[in-house]
Amino acid sequence: MPISEELKIELTKECERIEEDALFSGKGHYNAVGRWRWSHRILGLTSAVGSAVAGIAVLKQWAPGFAIGASALATTAAVVLTTLKPSEEADRHQRAGDRYFAIKNRARIFRCIELITLSADEEMLIPSIKSLSADLDNTRSGAPQIPRRAYEKAKRDIEGENLAQYRADKSPKS
């Protein structure tokens, strides 16, 4: 059955909602990756440098308090690194961001190509939009929570600076 104009409008709006949700969530997860990777590097370096300094302090017979302090610092950094697992958190956010952007791209293709195809009909389009929505729900339920700062940065980047807009979608300059 051919698609009515009213249904086409509603499918377009729903698709735009899915795209927007996936865009903000994906960008938020990508922003979280950097912070977790930075934490991993800082903790790892602190642990390694603290261990090296403690070892040198013992070998050179520097002040025992200095060796104990460096050793405590290295141990604390190693414990925090092992407990928080920032590298694994970064990977989880990276995978979630990738899944959100894949959904955003599928939704854009649906809206810009499949929805305007002359042979498009309700039997084809309604299951497609339901599938996109279900994929978004599944991704959301399996993703880690986006830190507030990462989401706020994503919002600023997307809304304020139009960093998420493709050149092809920008109107040509006169």
N, C-alpha and C. Protein backbone atom coordinates (compact mmCIF):
# COMPACT_ATOMS: atom_id res chain seq x y z
N MET A 1 0.85 -1.17 0.00
CA MET A 1 0.00 0.00 0.00
C MET A 1 0.89 1.24 0.00
N PRO A 2 0.63 2.20 -0.89
CA PRO A 2 1.43 3.43 -0.92
C PRO A 2 1.33 4.17 0.41
N ILE A 3 2.34 4.91 0.70
CA ILE A 3 2.41 5.62 1.97
C ILE A 3 1.69 6.96 1.87
N SER A 4 0.91 7.29 2.92
CA SER A 4 0.21 8.58 2.94
C SER A 4 1.20 9.68 3.33
N GLU A 5 0.88 10.89 2.94
CA GLU A 5 1.75 12.02 3.26
C GLU A 5 1.84 12.22 4.77
N GLU A 6 0.73 12.01 5.48
CA GLU A 6 0.72 12.17 6.93
C GLU A 6 1.66 11.14 7.60
N LEU A 7 1.60 9.90 7.13
CA LEU A 7 2.48 8.87 7.69
C LEU A 7 3.94 9.18 7.35
N LYS A 8 4.19 9.65 6.18
CA LYS A 8 5.55 10.01 5.77
C LYS A 8 6.12 11.11 6.68
N ILE A 9 5.29 12.09 7.01
CA ILE A 9 5.70 13.18 7.91
C ILE A 9 6.02 12.62 9.29
N GLU A 10 5.16 11.76 9.80
CA GLU A 10 5.39 11.18 11.13
C GLU A 10 6.62 10.27 11.16
N LEU A 11 6.84 9.51 10.10
CA LEU A 11 8.03 8.66 10.02
C LEU A 11 9.29 9.53 9.97
N THR A 12 9.23 10.62 9.24
CA THR A 12 10.36 11.54 9.15
C THR A 12 10.67 12.13 10.52
N LYS A 13 9.64 12.58 11.24
CA LYS A 13 9.86 13.16 12.57
C LYS A 13 10.44 12.13 13.54
N GLU A 14 9.92 10.91 13.50
CA GLU A 14 10.44 9.87 14.39
C GLU A 14 11.89 9.54 14.05
N CYS A 15 12.18 9.50 12.78
CA CYS A 15 13.54 9.24 12.33
C CYS A 15 14.48 10.35 12.80
N GLU A 16 14.05 11.58 12.72
CA GLU A 16 14.86 12.71 13.18
C GLU A 16 15.09 12.63 14.69
N ARG A 17 14.10 12.16 15.44
CA ARG A 17 14.27 11.98 16.89
C ARG A 17 15.34 10.92 17.16
N ILE A 18 15.28 9.82 16.44
CA ILE A 18 16.26 8.75 16.60
C ILE A 18 17.66 9.26 16.26
N GLU A 19 17.76 9.99 15.14
CA GLU A 19 19.06 10.55 14.75
C GLU A 19 19.61 11.48 15.83
N GLU A 20 18.77 12.36 16.34
CA GLU A 20 19.21 13.32 17.35
C GLU A 20 19.64 12.61 18.63
N ASP A 21 18.84 11.67 19.08
CA ASP A 21 19.19 10.92 20.29
C ASP A 21 20.51 10.18 20.10
N ALA A 22 20.67 9.52 18.97
CA ALA A 22 21.90 8.78 18.70
C ALA A 22 23.09 9.71 18.57
N LEU A 23 22.90 10.86 17.97
CA LEU A 23 23.98 11.83 17.81
C LEU A 23 24.47 12.33 19.16
N PHE A 24 23.56 12.80 20.01
CA PHE A 24 23.95 13.32 21.32
C PHE A 24 24.58 12.23 22.18
N SER A 25 23.99 11.06 22.18
CA SER A 25 24.53 9.97 22.99
C SER A 25 25.88 9.50 22.48
N GLY A 26 26.00 9.34 21.17
CA GLY A 26 27.27 8.91 20.59
C GLY A 26 28.38 9.90 20.86
N LYS A 27 28.10 11.19 20.67
CA LYS A 27 29.11 12.22 20.92
C LYS A 27 29.46 12.27 22.41
N GLY A 28 28.48 12.10 23.27
CA GLY A 28 28.74 12.07 24.71
C GLY A 28 29.67 10.92 25.09
N HIS A 29 29.42 9.76 24.52
CA HIS A 29 30.30 8.61 24.80
C HIS A 29 31.70 8.85 24.26
N TYR A 30 31.81 9.41 23.07
CA TYR A 30 33.14 9.71 22.52
C TYR A 30 33.88 10.71 23.41
N ASN A 31 33.17 11.68 23.96
CA ASN A 31 33.80 12.63 24.86
C ASN A 31 34.28 11.95 26.14
N ALA A 32 33.56 10.95 26.61
CA ALA A 32 33.95 10.23 27.83
C ALA A 32 35.21 9.40 27.60
N VAL A 33 35.42 8.94 26.39
CA VAL A 33 36.59 8.10 26.08
C VAL A 33 37.87 8.83 26.44
N GLY A 34 38.01 10.08 26.04
CA GLY A 34 39.23 10.83 26.28
C GLY A 34 39.58 10.94 27.75
N ARG A 35 38.61 11.21 28.56
CA ARG A 35 38.85 11.35 30.00
C ARG A 35 39.31 10.03 30.62
N TRP A 36 38.66 8.93 30.22
CA TRP A 36 39.06 7.61 30.76
C TRP A 36 40.45 7.23 30.26
N ARG A 37 40.77 7.49 29.00
CA ARG A 37 42.11 7.17 28.48
C ARG A 37 43.18 8.02 29.19
N TRP A 38 42.88 9.29 29.42
CA TRP A 38 43.80 10.16 30.13
C TRP A 38 44.02 9.63 31.55
N SER A 39 42.96 9.23 32.24
CA SER A 39 43.09 8.67 33.60
C SER A 39 43.96 7.43 33.60
N HIS A 40 43.77 6.57 32.61
CA HIS A 40 44.57 5.35 32.50
C HIS A 40 46.06 5.69 32.37
N ARG A 41 46.36 6.63 31.51
CA ARG A 41 47.77 7.00 31.29
C ARG A 41 48.39 7.63 32.53
N ILE A 42 47.67 8.54 33.16
CA ILE A 42 48.20 9.22 34.35
C ILE A 42 48.44 8.22 35.48
N LEU A 43 47.47 7.35 35.73
CA LEU A 43 47.63 6.36 36.80
C LEU A 43 48.76 5.38 36.49
N GLY A 44 48.84 4.95 35.24
CA GLY A 44 49.91 4.03 34.85
C GLY A 44 51.28 4.67 34.99
N LEU A 45 51.40 5.90 34.52
CA LEU A 45 52.69 6.61 34.65
C LEU A 45 53.05 6.85 36.11
N THR A 46 52.07 7.24 36.90
CA THR A 46 52.32 7.47 38.32
C THR A 46 52.81 6.20 39.01
N SER A 47 52.18 5.10 38.68
CA SER A 47 52.59 3.81 39.26
C SER A 47 54.01 3.44 38.84
N ALA A 48 54.30 3.58 37.56
CA ALA A 48 55.63 3.21 37.05
C ALA A 48 56.72 4.13 37.60
N VAL A 49 56.48 5.43 37.56
CA VAL A 49 57.48 6.38 38.04
C VAL A 49 57.67 6.24 39.55
N GLY A 50 56.58 6.09 40.28
CA GLY A 50 56.68 5.90 41.73
C GLY A 50 57.48 4.67 42.10
N SER A 51 57.24 3.57 41.36
CA SER A 51 58.00 2.33 41.61
C SER A 51 59.48 2.52 41.31
N ALA A 52 59.78 3.17 40.20
CA ALA A 52 61.17 3.40 39.82
C ALA A 52 61.87 4.29 40.84
N VAL A 53 61.22 5.36 41.25
CA VAL A 53 61.82 6.27 42.23
C VAL A 53 62.03 5.56 43.56
N ALA A 54 61.06 4.75 43.99
CA ALA A 54 61.20 4.01 45.25
C ALA A 54 62.38 3.04 45.16
N GLY A 55 62.52 2.34 44.04
CA GLY A 55 63.63 1.41 43.86
C GLY A 55 64.97 2.12 43.87
N ILE A 56 65.06 3.24 43.18
CA ILE A 56 66.30 4.02 43.16
C ILE A 56 66.62 4.56 44.56
N ALA A 57 65.59 5.02 45.26
CA ALA A 57 65.78 5.57 46.61
C ALA A 57 66.34 4.50 47.55
N VAL A 58 65.87 3.27 47.41
CA VAL A 58 66.38 2.18 48.25
C VAL A 58 67.82 1.86 47.86
N LEU A 59 68.08 1.74 46.56
CA LEU A 59 69.44 1.41 46.11
C LEU A 59 70.45 2.49 46.47
N LYS A 60 70.06 3.73 46.35
CA LYS A 60 70.97 4.85 46.63
C LYS A 60 70.99 5.19 48.12
N GLN A 61 70.16 4.51 48.88
CA GLN A 61 70.04 4.70 50.33
C GLN A 61 69.70 6.16 50.67
N TRP A 62 68.69 6.68 49.92
CA TRP A 62 68.20 7.99 50.24
C TRP A 62 67.37 7.89 51.51
N ALA A 63 66.77 8.94 51.90
CA ALA A 63 65.95 8.96 53.11
C ALA A 63 64.87 7.88 53.02
N PRO A 64 64.75 7.04 54.05
CA PRO A 64 63.75 5.97 54.02
C PRO A 64 62.32 6.49 53.83
N GLY A 65 62.02 7.66 54.37
CA GLY A 65 60.68 8.24 54.22
C GLY A 65 60.36 8.54 52.76
N PHE A 66 61.37 8.95 52.02
CA PHE A 66 61.19 9.24 50.59
C PHE A 66 60.87 7.96 49.83
N ALA A 67 61.59 6.89 50.12
CA ALA A 67 61.34 5.60 49.46
C ALA A 67 59.97 5.06 49.82
N ILE A 68 59.59 5.21 51.06
CA ILE A 68 58.27 4.73 51.52
C ILE A 68 57.17 5.54 50.84
N GLY A 69 57.35 6.86 50.76
CA GLY A 69 56.35 7.72 50.11
C GLY A 69 56.18 7.38 48.63
N ALA A 70 57.30 7.21 47.93
CA ALA A 70 57.24 6.87 46.50
C ALA A 70 56.59 5.51 46.31
N SER A 71 56.91 4.57 47.18
CA SER A 71 56.32 3.23 47.10
C SER A 71 54.81 3.28 47.36
N ALA A 72 54.41 4.08 48.36
CA ALA A 72 52.98 4.22 48.67
C ALA A 72 52.22 4.86 47.51
N LEU A 73 52.85 5.87 46.91
CA LEU A 73 52.23 6.52 45.75
C LEU A 73 52.04 5.53 44.60
N ALA A 74 53.09 4.75 44.31
CA ALA A 74 53.02 3.77 43.23
C ALA A 74 51.96 2.71 43.52
N THR A 75 51.91 2.26 44.75
CA THR A 75 50.93 1.23 45.13
C THR A 75 49.51 1.76 45.02
N THR A 76 49.30 2.98 45.51
CA THR A 76 47.97 3.59 45.45
C THR A 76 47.52 3.74 44.00
N ALA A 77 48.41 4.24 43.15
CA ALA A 77 48.06 4.41 41.73
C ALA A 77 47.74 3.06 41.09
N ALA A 78 48.52 2.03 41.43
CA ALA A 78 48.27 0.70 40.86
C ALA A 78 46.94 0.13 41.33
N VAL A 79 46.60 0.35 42.60
CA VAL A 79 45.33 -0.15 43.13
C VAL A 79 44.16 0.57 42.46
N VAL A 80 44.26 1.88 42.32
CA VAL A 80 43.19 2.65 41.67
C VAL A 80 43.06 2.22 40.21
N LEU A 81 44.18 2.03 39.54
CA LEU A 81 44.19 1.59 38.14
C LEU A 81 43.51 0.23 38.00
N THR A 82 43.81 -0.67 38.91
CA THR A 82 43.23 -2.02 38.87
C THR A 82 41.75 -2.00 39.23
N THR A 83 41.38 -1.15 40.16
CA THR A 83 39.98 -1.10 40.62
C THR A 83 39.08 -0.41 39.61
N LEU A 84 39.49 0.76 39.13
CA LEU A 84 38.64 1.54 38.21
C LEU A 84 38.69 1.02 36.78
N LYS A 85 39.80 0.42 36.40
CA LYS A 85 39.99 -0.08 35.03
C LYS A 85 39.61 0.96 33.98
N PRO A 86 40.28 2.11 34.00
CA PRO A 86 39.91 3.17 33.07
C PRO A 86 40.05 2.79 31.61
N SER A 87 40.98 1.91 31.28
CA SER A 87 41.12 1.49 29.88
C SER A 87 39.88 0.72 29.42
N GLU A 88 39.37 -0.14 30.29
CA GLU A 88 38.15 -0.89 29.95
C GLU A 88 36.94 0.04 29.85
N GLU A 89 36.86 1.03 30.74
CA GLU A 89 35.77 2.01 30.66
C GLU A 89 35.83 2.79 29.36
N ALA A 90 37.04 3.19 28.97
CA ALA A 90 37.20 3.92 27.71
C ALA A 90 36.73 3.05 26.55
N ASP A 91 37.09 1.78 26.56
CA ASP A 91 36.67 0.86 25.49
C ASP A 91 35.15 0.71 25.46
N ARG A 92 34.52 0.62 26.64
CA ARG A 92 33.06 0.50 26.70
C ARG A 92 32.38 1.73 26.10
N HIS A 93 32.90 2.91 26.44
CA HIS A 93 32.32 4.15 25.89
C HIS A 93 32.57 4.23 24.38
N GLN A 94 33.74 3.80 23.94
CA GLN A 94 34.06 3.81 22.50
C GLN A 94 33.08 2.92 21.73
N ARG A 95 32.86 1.71 22.24
CA ARG A 95 31.93 0.79 21.57
C ARG A 95 30.51 1.34 21.56
N ALA A 96 30.09 1.94 22.68
CA ALA A 96 28.74 2.52 22.75
C ALA A 96 28.61 3.67 21.75
N GLY A 97 29.61 4.54 21.70
CA GLY A 97 29.59 5.64 20.74
C GLY A 97 29.52 5.14 19.31
N ASP A 98 30.29 4.10 19.01
CA ASP A 98 30.26 3.50 17.67
C ASP A 98 28.87 2.98 17.33
N ARG A 99 28.24 2.30 18.30
CA ARG A 99 26.88 1.76 18.05
C ARG A 99 25.87 2.88 17.83
N TYR A 100 25.96 3.93 18.65
CA TYR A 100 25.04 5.06 18.47
C TYR A 100 25.21 5.71 17.10
N PHE A 101 26.45 5.90 16.67
CA PHE A 101 26.67 6.53 15.36
C PHE A 101 26.24 5.62 14.21
N ALA A 102 26.35 4.32 14.39
CA ALA A 102 25.85 3.40 13.36
C ALA A 102 24.33 3.54 13.23
N ILE A 103 23.65 3.66 14.36
CA ILE A 103 22.19 3.85 14.34
C ILE A 103 21.85 5.20 13.69
N LYS A 104 22.58 6.23 14.05
CA LYS A 104 22.34 7.56 13.47
C LYS A 104 22.49 7.50 11.95
N ASN A 105 23.51 6.83 11.48
CA ASN A 105 23.73 6.73 10.03
C ASN A 105 22.63 5.94 9.35
N ARG A 106 22.22 4.84 9.97
CA ARG A 106 21.11 4.06 9.40
C ARG A 106 19.82 4.88 9.36
N ALA A 107 19.57 5.65 10.41
CA ALA A 107 18.36 6.49 10.45
C ALA A 107 18.41 7.56 9.37
N ARG A 108 19.58 8.16 9.17
CA ARG A 108 19.72 9.19 8.13
C ARG A 108 19.47 8.59 6.75
N ILE A 109 20.02 7.42 6.49
CA ILE A 109 19.80 6.75 5.21
C ILE A 109 18.32 6.43 5.02
N PHE A 110 17.68 5.96 6.10
CA PHE A 110 16.25 5.67 6.04
C PHE A 110 15.48 6.94 5.68
N ARG A 111 15.77 8.04 6.38
CA ARG A 111 15.04 9.29 6.18
C ARG A 111 15.31 9.91 4.82
N CYS A 112 16.56 9.90 4.39
CA CYS A 112 16.93 10.61 3.17
C CYS A 112 16.79 9.79 1.90
N ILE A 113 16.77 8.47 2.03
CA ILE A 113 16.74 7.64 0.82
C ILE A 113 15.52 6.71 0.81
N GLU A 114 15.44 5.84 1.82
CA GLU A 114 14.37 4.84 1.81
C GLU A 114 12.98 5.47 1.88
N LEU A 115 12.85 6.50 2.67
CA LEU A 115 11.54 7.13 2.88
C LEU A 115 11.03 7.86 1.64
N ILE A 116 11.94 8.30 0.79
CA ILE A 116 11.50 9.04 -0.40
C ILE A 116 11.49 8.19 -1.67
N THR A 117 11.85 6.93 -1.52
CA THR A 117 11.82 6.03 -2.67
C THR A 117 10.38 5.88 -3.15
N LEU A 118 10.19 5.93 -4.45
CA LEU A 118 8.84 5.83 -5.01
C LEU A 118 8.16 4.51 -4.67
N SER A 119 8.93 3.46 -4.53
CA SER A 119 8.33 2.16 -4.24
C SER A 119 8.14 1.92 -2.74
N ALA A 120 8.44 2.91 -1.90
CA ALA A 120 8.30 2.75 -0.45
C ALA A 120 6.83 2.57 -0.09
N ASP A 121 6.58 1.59 0.77
CA ASP A 121 5.21 1.38 1.24
C ASP A 121 5.22 1.11 2.74
N GLU A 122 4.03 1.16 3.34
CA GLU A 122 3.91 1.02 4.79
C GLU A 122 4.49 -0.30 5.29
N GLU A 123 4.28 -1.38 4.55
CA GLU A 123 4.74 -2.69 4.99
C GLU A 123 6.27 -2.76 5.08
N MET A 124 6.94 -1.91 4.34
CA MET A 124 8.40 -1.87 4.38
C MET A 124 8.90 -0.84 5.40
N LEU A 125 8.28 0.32 5.45
CA LEU A 125 8.80 1.43 6.24
C LEU A 125 8.54 1.30 7.73
N ILE A 126 7.36 0.87 8.10
CA ILE A 126 7.02 0.79 9.54
C ILE A 126 7.92 -0.21 10.26
N PRO A 127 8.15 -1.41 9.73
CA PRO A 127 9.10 -2.30 10.42
C PRO A 127 10.52 -1.72 10.49
N SER A 128 10.91 -0.96 9.48
CA SER A 128 12.26 -0.36 9.49
C SER A 128 12.42 0.65 10.62
N ILE A 129 11.42 1.52 10.79
CA ILE A 129 11.53 2.53 11.85
C ILE A 129 11.43 1.87 13.22
N LYS A 130 10.63 0.83 13.34
CA LYS A 130 10.54 0.09 14.60
C LYS A 130 11.86 -0.60 14.92
N SER A 131 12.53 -1.10 13.91
CA SER A 131 13.83 -1.74 14.09
C SER A 131 14.87 -0.73 14.56
N LEU A 132 14.88 0.44 13.95
CA LEU A 132 15.80 1.50 14.38
C LEU A 132 15.56 1.89 15.84
N SER A 133 14.29 2.04 16.20
CA SER A 133 13.94 2.41 17.56
C SER A 133 14.36 1.32 18.55
N ALA A 134 14.13 0.07 18.18
CA ALA A 134 14.53 -1.05 19.06
C ALA A 134 16.04 -1.11 19.20
N ASP A 135 16.77 -0.88 18.12
CA ASP A 135 18.24 -0.86 18.20
C ASP A 135 18.72 0.25 19.11
N LEU A 136 18.08 1.41 19.05
CA LEU A 136 18.44 2.52 19.92
C LEU A 136 18.18 2.14 21.39
N ASP A 137 17.05 1.52 21.66
CA ASP A 137 16.73 1.09 23.02
C ASP A 137 17.73 0.05 23.52
N ASN A 138 18.08 -0.90 22.68
CA ASN A 138 19.04 -1.94 23.07
C ASN A 138 20.42 -1.35 23.33
N THR A 139 20.83 -0.43 22.51
CA THR A 139 22.13 0.22 22.70
C THR A 139 22.14 1.00 24.00
N ARG A 140 21.08 1.73 24.26
CA ARG A 140 20.97 2.53 25.48
C ARG A 140 21.04 1.63 26.72
N SER A 141 20.36 0.50 26.68
CA SER A 141 20.33 -0.36 27.86
C SER A 141 21.66 -1.06 28.12
N GLY A 142 22.49 -1.22 27.09
CA GLY A 142 23.77 -1.89 27.27
C GLY A 142 24.96 -0.96 27.41
N ALA A 143 24.72 0.34 27.30
CA ALA A 143 25.82 1.31 27.33
C ALA A 143 26.07 1.80 28.75
N PRO A 144 27.33 2.16 29.03
CA PRO A 144 27.58 2.78 30.33
C PRO A 144 26.95 4.16 30.38
N GLN A 145 26.77 4.67 31.57
CA GLN A 145 26.19 6.00 31.72
C GLN A 145 27.18 7.05 31.25
N ILE A 146 26.67 8.03 30.51
CA ILE A 146 27.52 9.11 30.02
C ILE A 146 27.76 10.08 31.18
N PRO A 147 29.02 10.38 31.48
CA PRO A 147 29.28 11.38 32.52
C PRO A 147 28.68 12.73 32.12
N ARG A 148 28.18 13.44 33.08
CA ARG A 148 27.48 14.71 32.82
C ARG A 148 28.35 15.68 32.02
N ARG A 149 29.62 15.80 32.39
CA ARG A 149 30.51 16.72 31.68
C ARG A 149 30.65 16.35 30.21
N ALA A 150 30.74 15.05 29.95
CA ALA A 150 30.89 14.59 28.56
C ALA A 150 29.63 14.90 27.76
N TYR A 151 28.46 14.74 28.38
CA TYR A 151 27.21 15.03 27.69
C TYR A 151 27.07 16.53 27.44
N GLU A 152 27.40 17.34 28.46
CA GLU A 152 27.30 18.79 28.30
C GLU A 152 28.23 19.29 27.20
N LYS A 153 29.43 18.72 27.12
CA LYS A 153 30.36 19.09 26.05
C LYS A 153 29.80 18.69 24.69
N ALA A 154 29.20 17.51 24.62
CA ALA A 154 28.58 17.06 23.37
C ALA A 154 27.48 18.03 22.95
N LYS A 155 26.69 18.43 23.91
CA LYS A 155 25.59 19.35 23.62
C LYS A 155 26.12 20.69 23.10
N ARG A 156 27.15 21.22 23.76
CA ARG A 156 27.76 22.47 23.30
C ARG A 156 28.34 22.32 21.90
N ASP A 157 29.06 21.21 21.67
CA ASP A 157 29.68 20.98 20.37
C ASP A 157 28.64 20.88 19.26
N ILE A 158 27.58 20.18 19.53
CA ILE A 158 26.57 19.93 18.50
C ILE A 158 25.71 21.16 18.25
N GLU A 159 25.20 21.75 19.32
CA GLU A 159 24.28 22.88 19.16
C GLU A 159 24.99 24.20 18.91
N GLY A 160 26.06 24.44 19.63
CA GLY A 160 26.71 25.74 19.55
C GLY A 160 27.61 25.92 18.36
N GLU A 161 28.36 24.89 18.03
CA GLU A 161 29.36 25.04 16.98
C GLU A 161 29.03 24.25 15.72
N ASN A 162 27.90 23.58 15.71
CA ASN A 162 27.48 22.78 14.55
C ASN A 162 28.56 21.81 14.09
N LEU A 163 29.26 21.18 15.04
CA LEU A 163 30.32 20.25 14.69
C LEU A 163 29.79 18.94 14.10
N ALA A 164 28.51 18.69 14.29
CA ALA A 164 27.94 17.42 13.83
C ALA A 164 27.31 17.53 12.44
N GLN A 165 27.39 18.68 11.84
CA GLN A 165 26.74 18.87 10.55
C GLN A 165 27.72 18.55 9.42
N TYR A 166 27.26 17.79 8.47
CA TYR A 166 28.08 17.45 7.30
C TYR A 166 28.10 18.62 6.33
N ARG A 167 29.19 18.76 5.61
CA ARG A 167 29.28 19.82 4.60
C ARG A 167 28.17 19.68 3.57
N ALA A 168 27.83 18.44 3.22
CA ALA A 168 26.79 18.20 2.22
C ALA A 168 25.42 18.72 2.67
N ASP A 169 25.22 18.82 3.99
CA ASP A 169 23.93 19.27 4.51
C ASP A 169 23.87 20.77 4.73
N LYS A 170 24.99 21.46 4.62
CA LYS A 170 25.00 22.90 4.79
C LYS A 170 24.56 23.57 3.50
N SER A 171 23.82 24.65 3.66
CA SER A 171 23.37 25.35 2.46
C SER A 171 24.57 26.07 1.84
N PRO A 172 24.63 26.08 0.52
CA PRO A 172 25.77 26.73 -0.15
C PRO A 172 25.77 28.23 0.11
N LYS A 173 26.98 28.78 0.21
CA LYS A 173 27.10 30.23 0.45
C LYS A 173 26.82 30.97 -0.84
N SER A 174 26.14 32.07 -0.70
CA SER A 174 25.79 32.86 -1.89
C SER A 174 26.88 33.80 -2.25
